C-alpha atoms as a PDB file:
ATOM      1  CA  UNK A   1      13.510  10.978 -15.983  1.00  0.00           C
ATOM      2  CA  UNK A   2      15.280  13.935 -14.413  1.00  0.00           C
ATOM      3  CA  UNK A   3      15.632  13.567 -10.641  1.00  0.00           C
ATOM      4  CA  UNK A   4      14.703   9.860 -10.651  1.00  0.00           C
ATOM      5  CA  UNK A   5      16.879   6.771 -10.435  1.00  0.00           C
ATOM      6  CA  UNK A   6      18.082   5.952 -13.973  1.00  0.00           C
ATOM      7  CA  UNK A   7      17.215   2.267 -13.511  1.00  0.00           C
ATOM      8  CA  UNK A   8      13.565   3.251 -14.144  1.00  0.00           C
ATOM      9  CA  UNK A   9      12.674   3.771 -17.811  1.00  0.00           C
ATOM     10  CA  UNK A  10       9.559   5.874 -17.188  1.00  0.00           C
ATOM     11  CA  UNK A  11       7.097   6.765 -14.431  1.00  0.00           C
ATOM     12  CA  UNK A  12       4.971   3.592 -14.677  1.00  0.00           C
ATOM     13  CA  UNK A  13       8.207   1.574 -14.415  1.00  0.00           C
ATOM     14  CA  UNK A  14       9.120   3.613 -11.306  1.00  0.00           C
ATOM     15  CA  UNK A  15       5.734   3.004  -9.632  1.00  0.00           C
ATOM     16  CA  UNK A  16       5.694  -0.720 -10.462  1.00  0.00           C
ATOM     17  CA  UNK A  17       9.368  -1.112  -9.541  1.00  0.00           C
ATOM     18  CA  UNK A  18       9.092   0.651  -6.191  1.00  0.00           C
ATOM     19  CA  UNK A  19       6.002  -1.408  -5.313  1.00  0.00           C
ATOM     20  CA  UNK A  20       7.823  -4.628  -6.215  1.00  0.00           C
ATOM     21  CA  UNK A  21      10.923  -3.663  -4.205  1.00  0.00           C
ATOM     22  CA  UNK A  22       8.873  -2.860  -1.096  1.00  0.00           C
ATOM     23  CA  UNK A  23       6.413  -5.765  -1.172  1.00  0.00           C
ATOM     24  CA  UNK A  24       7.574  -8.715  -3.290  1.00  0.00           C
ATOM     25  CA  UNK A  25      11.262  -8.191  -2.459  1.00  0.00           C
ATOM     26  CA  UNK A  26      10.392  -7.315   1.184  1.00  0.00           C
ATOM     27  CA  UNK A  27      12.558  -4.214   0.933  1.00  0.00           C
ATOM     28  CA  UNK A  28      10.945  -2.313   3.775  1.00  0.00           C
ATOM     29  CA  UNK A  29      14.149  -0.307   4.232  1.00  0.00           C
ATOM     30  CA  UNK A  30      13.688   1.082   0.700  1.00  0.00           C
ATOM     31  CA  UNK A  31      10.829   3.164   2.112  1.00  0.00           C
ATOM     32  CA  UNK A  32      13.544   5.436   3.557  1.00  0.00           C
ATOM     33  CA  UNK A  33      14.737   6.035   0.004  1.00  0.00           C
ATOM     34  CA  UNK A  34      11.494   6.117  -1.996  1.00  0.00           C
ATOM     35  CA  UNK A  35       9.105   7.813   0.459  1.00  0.00           C
ATOM     36  CA  UNK A  36       9.686  11.335   1.760  1.00  0.00           C
ATOM     37  CA  UNK A  37      10.192  11.849   5.496  1.00  0.00           C
ATOM     38  CA  UNK A  38       6.965  13.865   5.723  1.00  0.00           C
ATOM     39  CA  UNK A  39       4.802  11.789   3.352  1.00  0.00           C
ATOM     40  CA  UNK A  40       1.055  12.102   3.807  1.00  0.00           C
ATOM     41  CA  UNK A  41      -0.806   8.791   3.403  1.00  0.00           C
ATOM     42  CA  UNK A  42      -4.593   8.923   3.259  1.00  0.00           C
ATOM     43  CA  UNK A  43      -6.935   5.940   3.583  1.00  0.00           C
ATOM     44  CA  UNK A  44     -10.648   5.773   4.390  1.00  0.00           C
ATOM     45  CA  UNK A  45      -9.664   4.798   7.947  1.00  0.00           C
ATOM     46  CA  UNK A  46      -6.971   7.380   8.721  1.00  0.00           C
ATOM     47  CA  UNK A  47      -4.499  10.002   7.610  1.00  0.00           C
ATOM     48  CA  UNK A  48      -0.901   9.472   8.631  1.00  0.00           C
ATOM     49  CA  UNK A  49       1.969  11.886   8.287  1.00  0.00           C
ATOM     50  CA  UNK A  50       5.562  10.764   8.192  1.00  0.00           C
ATOM     51  CA  UNK A  51       7.524   7.878   6.817  1.00  0.00           C
ATOM     52  CA  UNK A  52       7.968   6.285  10.252  1.00  0.00           C
ATOM     53  CA  UNK A  53       4.196   5.672  10.413  1.00  0.00           C
ATOM     54  CA  UNK A  54       4.249   4.294   6.857  1.00  0.00           C
ATOM     55  CA  UNK A  55       7.032   1.864   7.742  1.00  0.00           C
ATOM     56  CA  UNK A  56       5.217   0.774  10.919  1.00  0.00           C
ATOM     57  CA  UNK A  57       1.990   0.153   8.980  1.00  0.00           C
ATOM     58  CA  UNK A  58       3.882  -1.842   6.334  1.00  0.00           C
ATOM     59  CA  UNK A  59       5.528  -3.981   9.014  1.00  0.00           C
ATOM     60  CA  UNK A  60       2.185  -4.583  10.765  1.00  0.00           C
ATOM     61  CA  UNK A  61       0.573  -5.642   7.486  1.00  0.00           C
ATOM     62  CA  UNK A  62       3.413  -8.061   6.720  1.00  0.00           C
ATOM     63  CA  UNK A  63       3.222  -9.488  10.250  1.00  0.00           C
ATOM     64  CA  UNK A  64      -0.463 -10.338   9.743  1.00  0.00           C
ATOM     65  CA  UNK A  65      -0.113 -11.315   6.055  1.00  0.00           C
ATOM     66  CA  UNK A  66       3.516 -12.481   5.645  1.00  0.00           C
ATOM     67  CA  UNK A  67       3.090 -13.732   2.070  1.00  0.00           C
ATOM     68  CA  UNK A  68       1.266 -10.641   0.812  1.00  0.00           C
ATOM     69  CA  UNK A  69       1.985  -9.660  -2.762  1.00  0.00           C
ATOM     70  CA  UNK A  70       0.981  -6.488  -4.601  1.00  0.00           C
ATOM     71  CA  UNK A  71       0.906  -7.263  -8.292  1.00  0.00           C
ATOM     72  CA  UNK A  72       0.712  -4.100 -10.362  1.00  0.00           C
ATOM     73  CA  UNK A  73      -1.917  -4.274 -13.105  1.00  0.00           C
ATOM     74  CA  UNK A  74      -1.872  -0.799 -14.595  1.00  0.00           C
ATOM     75  CA  UNK A  75      -0.542   2.713 -14.011  1.00  0.00           C
ATOM     76  CA  UNK A  76      -1.999   5.881 -15.468  1.00  0.00           C
ATOM     77  CA  UNK A  77      -0.081   9.083 -14.906  1.00  0.00           C
ATOM     78  CA  UNK A  78       0.497  12.726 -15.732  1.00  0.00           C
ATOM     79  CA  UNK A  79       2.954  15.509 -15.000  1.00  0.00           C
ATOM     80  CA  UNK A  80       6.652  16.056 -15.515  1.00  0.00           C
ATOM     81  CA  UNK A  81       9.688  14.982 -13.478  1.00  0.00           C
ATOM     82  CA  UNK A  82      10.561  18.659 -12.937  1.00  0.00           C
ATOM     83  CA  UNK A  83       7.128  19.672 -11.572  1.00  0.00           C
ATOM     84  CA  UNK A  84       6.116  16.323 -10.073  1.00  0.00           C
ATOM     85  CA  UNK A  85       4.326  13.263 -11.361  1.00  0.00           C
ATOM     86  CA  UNK A  86       0.892  11.936 -10.412  1.00  0.00           C
ATOM     87  CA  UNK A  87      -0.060   8.274 -10.759  1.00  0.00           C
ATOM     88  CA  UNK A  88      -3.046   6.042 -10.223  1.00  0.00           C
ATOM     89  CA  UNK A  89      -1.914   2.460  -9.768  1.00  0.00           C
ATOM     90  CA  UNK A  90      -4.319  -0.494  -9.916  1.00  0.00           C
ATOM     91  CA  UNK A  91      -3.055  -3.456  -7.899  1.00  0.00           C
ATOM     92  CA  UNK A  92      -4.167  -7.073  -7.518  1.00  0.00           C
ATOM     93  CA  UNK A  93      -3.144  -8.347  -4.091  1.00  0.00           C
ATOM     94  CA  UNK A  94      -2.892 -11.862  -2.705  1.00  0.00           C
ATOM     95  CA  UNK A  95      -2.271 -12.752   0.930  1.00  0.00           C
ATOM     96  CA  UNK A  96      -2.852 -15.374   3.592  1.00  0.00           C
ATOM     97  CA  UNK A  97      -4.292 -14.259   6.933  1.00  0.00           C
ATOM     98  CA  UNK A  98      -1.584 -16.171   8.807  1.00  0.00           C
ATOM     99  CA  UNK A  99      -1.308 -14.173  12.045  1.00  0.00           C
ATOM    100  CA  UNK A 100      -3.674 -12.222  14.287  1.00  0.00           C
ATOM    101  CA  UNK A 101      -3.883  -8.457  13.901  1.00  0.00           C
ATOM    102  CA  UNK A 102      -6.222  -5.715  12.704  1.00  0.00           C
ATOM    103  CA  UNK A 103      -8.399  -8.304  10.962  1.00  0.00           C
ATOM    104  CA  UNK A 104      -8.774 -10.369  14.158  1.00  0.00           C
ATOM    105  CA  UNK A 105      -7.558 -13.839  15.002  1.00  0.00           C
ATOM    106  CA  UNK A 106      -5.658 -15.592  12.215  1.00  0.00           C
ATOM    107  CA  UNK A 107      -8.000 -17.517   9.923  1.00  0.00           C
ATOM    108  CA  UNK A 108      -5.560 -19.006   7.430  1.00  0.00           C
ATOM    109  CA  UNK A 109      -7.819 -17.622   4.689  1.00  0.00           C
ATOM    110  CA  UNK A 110      -6.231 -17.204   1.261  1.00  0.00           C
ATOM    111  CA  UNK A 111      -7.244 -13.749   0.056  1.00  0.00           C
ATOM    112  CA  UNK A 112      -7.301 -11.862  -3.213  1.00  0.00           C
ATOM    113  CA  UNK A 113      -8.469  -8.274  -3.583  1.00  0.00           C
ATOM    114  CA  UNK A 114      -7.782  -5.019  -5.368  1.00  0.00           C
ATOM    115  CA  UNK A 115      -6.200  -1.748  -4.301  1.00  0.00           C
ATOM    116  CA  UNK A 116      -5.952   1.661  -5.935  1.00  0.00           C
ATOM    117  CA  UNK A 117      -2.951   3.780  -4.941  1.00  0.00           C
ATOM    118  CA  UNK A 118      -2.775   7.382  -6.151  1.00  0.00           C
ATOM    119  CA  UNK A 119       0.585   9.055  -5.625  1.00  0.00           C
ATOM    120  CA  UNK A 120       2.580  12.201  -6.226  1.00  0.00           C
ATOM    121  CA  UNK A 121       6.344  11.885  -6.692  1.00  0.00           C
ATOM    122  CA  UNK A 122       9.208  14.259  -7.351  1.00  0.00           C
ATOM    123  CA  UNK A 123      12.991  13.809  -7.090  1.00  0.00           C
ATOM    124  CA  UNK A 124      12.722  10.014  -6.762  1.00  0.00           C
ATOM    125  CA  UNK A 125      10.418  10.230  -3.727  1.00  0.00           C
ATOM    126  CA  UNK A 126       6.716   9.692  -3.210  1.00  0.00           C
ATOM    127  CA  UNK A 127       5.443  12.498  -0.977  1.00  0.00           C
ATOM    128  CA  UNK A 128       1.666  11.993  -1.093  1.00  0.00           C
ATOM    129  CA  UNK A 129      -0.399   8.808  -1.345  1.00  0.00           C
ATOM    130  CA  UNK A 130      -4.101   7.964  -1.343  1.00  0.00           C
ATOM    131  CA  UNK A 131      -4.934   4.280  -0.791  1.00  0.00           C
ATOM    132  CA  UNK A 132      -8.242   2.526  -1.303  1.00  0.00           C
ATOM    133  CA  UNK A 133      -8.325  -1.193  -0.501  1.00  0.00           C
ATOM    134  CA  UNK A 134     -11.377  -3.423  -0.999  1.00  0.00           C
ATOM    135  CA  UNK A 135     -11.947  -4.135   2.691  1.00  0.00           C
ATOM    136  CA  UNK A 136     -15.299  -5.765   1.905  1.00  0.00           C
ATOM    137  CA  UNK A 137     -13.613  -8.378  -0.294  1.00  0.00           C
ATOM    138  CA  UNK A 138     -11.033  -9.070   2.403  1.00  0.00           C
ATOM    139  CA  UNK A 139     -13.444  -9.571   5.294  1.00  0.00           C
ATOM    140  CA  UNK A 140     -15.934 -11.603   3.236  1.00  0.00           C
ATOM    141  CA  UNK A 141     -13.163 -14.048   2.326  1.00  0.00           C
ATOM    142  CA  UNK A 142     -12.346 -14.326   6.034  1.00  0.00           C
ATOM    143  CA  UNK A 143     -15.946 -15.234   6.860  1.00  0.00           C
ATOM    144  CA  UNK A 144     -17.068 -11.851   8.185  1.00  0.00           C
ATOM    145  CA  UNK A 145     -20.052  -9.776   7.171  1.00  0.00           C
ATOM    146  CA  UNK A 146     -18.565  -6.346   6.316  1.00  0.00           C
ATOM    147  CA  UNK A 147     -21.068  -4.522   8.538  1.00  0.00           C
ATOM    148  CA  UNK A 148     -20.297  -6.838  11.476  1.00  0.00           C
ATOM    149  CA  UNK A 149     -16.553  -6.382  10.897  1.00  0.00           C
ATOM    150  CA  UNK A 150     -16.934  -2.587  10.896  1.00  0.00           C
ATOM    151  CA  UNK A 151     -18.930  -2.714  14.148  1.00  0.00           C
ATOM    152  CA  UNK A 152     -16.300  -4.980  15.730  1.00  0.00           C
ATOM    153  CA  UNK A 153     -13.482  -2.688  14.595  1.00  0.00           C
ATOM    154  CA  UNK A 154     -15.230   0.352  16.069  1.00  0.00           C
ATOM    155  CA  UNK A 155     -15.766  -1.496  19.349  1.00  0.00           C
ATOM    156  CA  UNK A 156     -12.101  -2.574  19.511  1.00  0.00           C
ATOM    157  CA  UNK A 157     -10.941   0.982  18.826  1.00  0.00           C
ATOM    158  CA  UNK A 158     -13.097   2.251  21.694  1.00  0.00           C
END
C-alpha cells in the first residue's frame, strides 16, 4: 500500500493492527504516528479536533478502564492509498470499570459492548474518525438505567 507502513498487508490489516497497537499493546505514543495532528474525531457526545485531545481521551479511558481491549471483528473499506482509504470497523470491547471517571464511581463491573469506528486514512495516518459506542450496554451492565445516566451526565456537565 503506497504511503503506508509496509508491515501492513492491506487496509483491513492496517486498521486492525493500529487498533491493536494502541489498545491491546497500550501504545498510546503510537497515536503521534498513526493519527494526524489535526484529526477530527466525532462522537454523539462531542467533536474534538487535534491529536492532543485524542491522546487525552485515550488516557482518560484507560485510567477508568485499565484492562480495556478492543477486539476487531470486521473491517469494510473502499478507496485507494493514493486518494485516501475509508473504513468501517466493527469492534467487540471488554473492560472492567476499575476506577472512577466519566461513568461515575468505580463499580468493578465487567463490561462487554460493541463499537463502530469509521475512519479516513492517507499516508499512514488517520485524519478523520467517527465513533459510535453502545453507551446503553455499558451503563446497563454498571447498574444504571440509560435515561438516568444521561440525566446525571447532563447535571454533572452543568
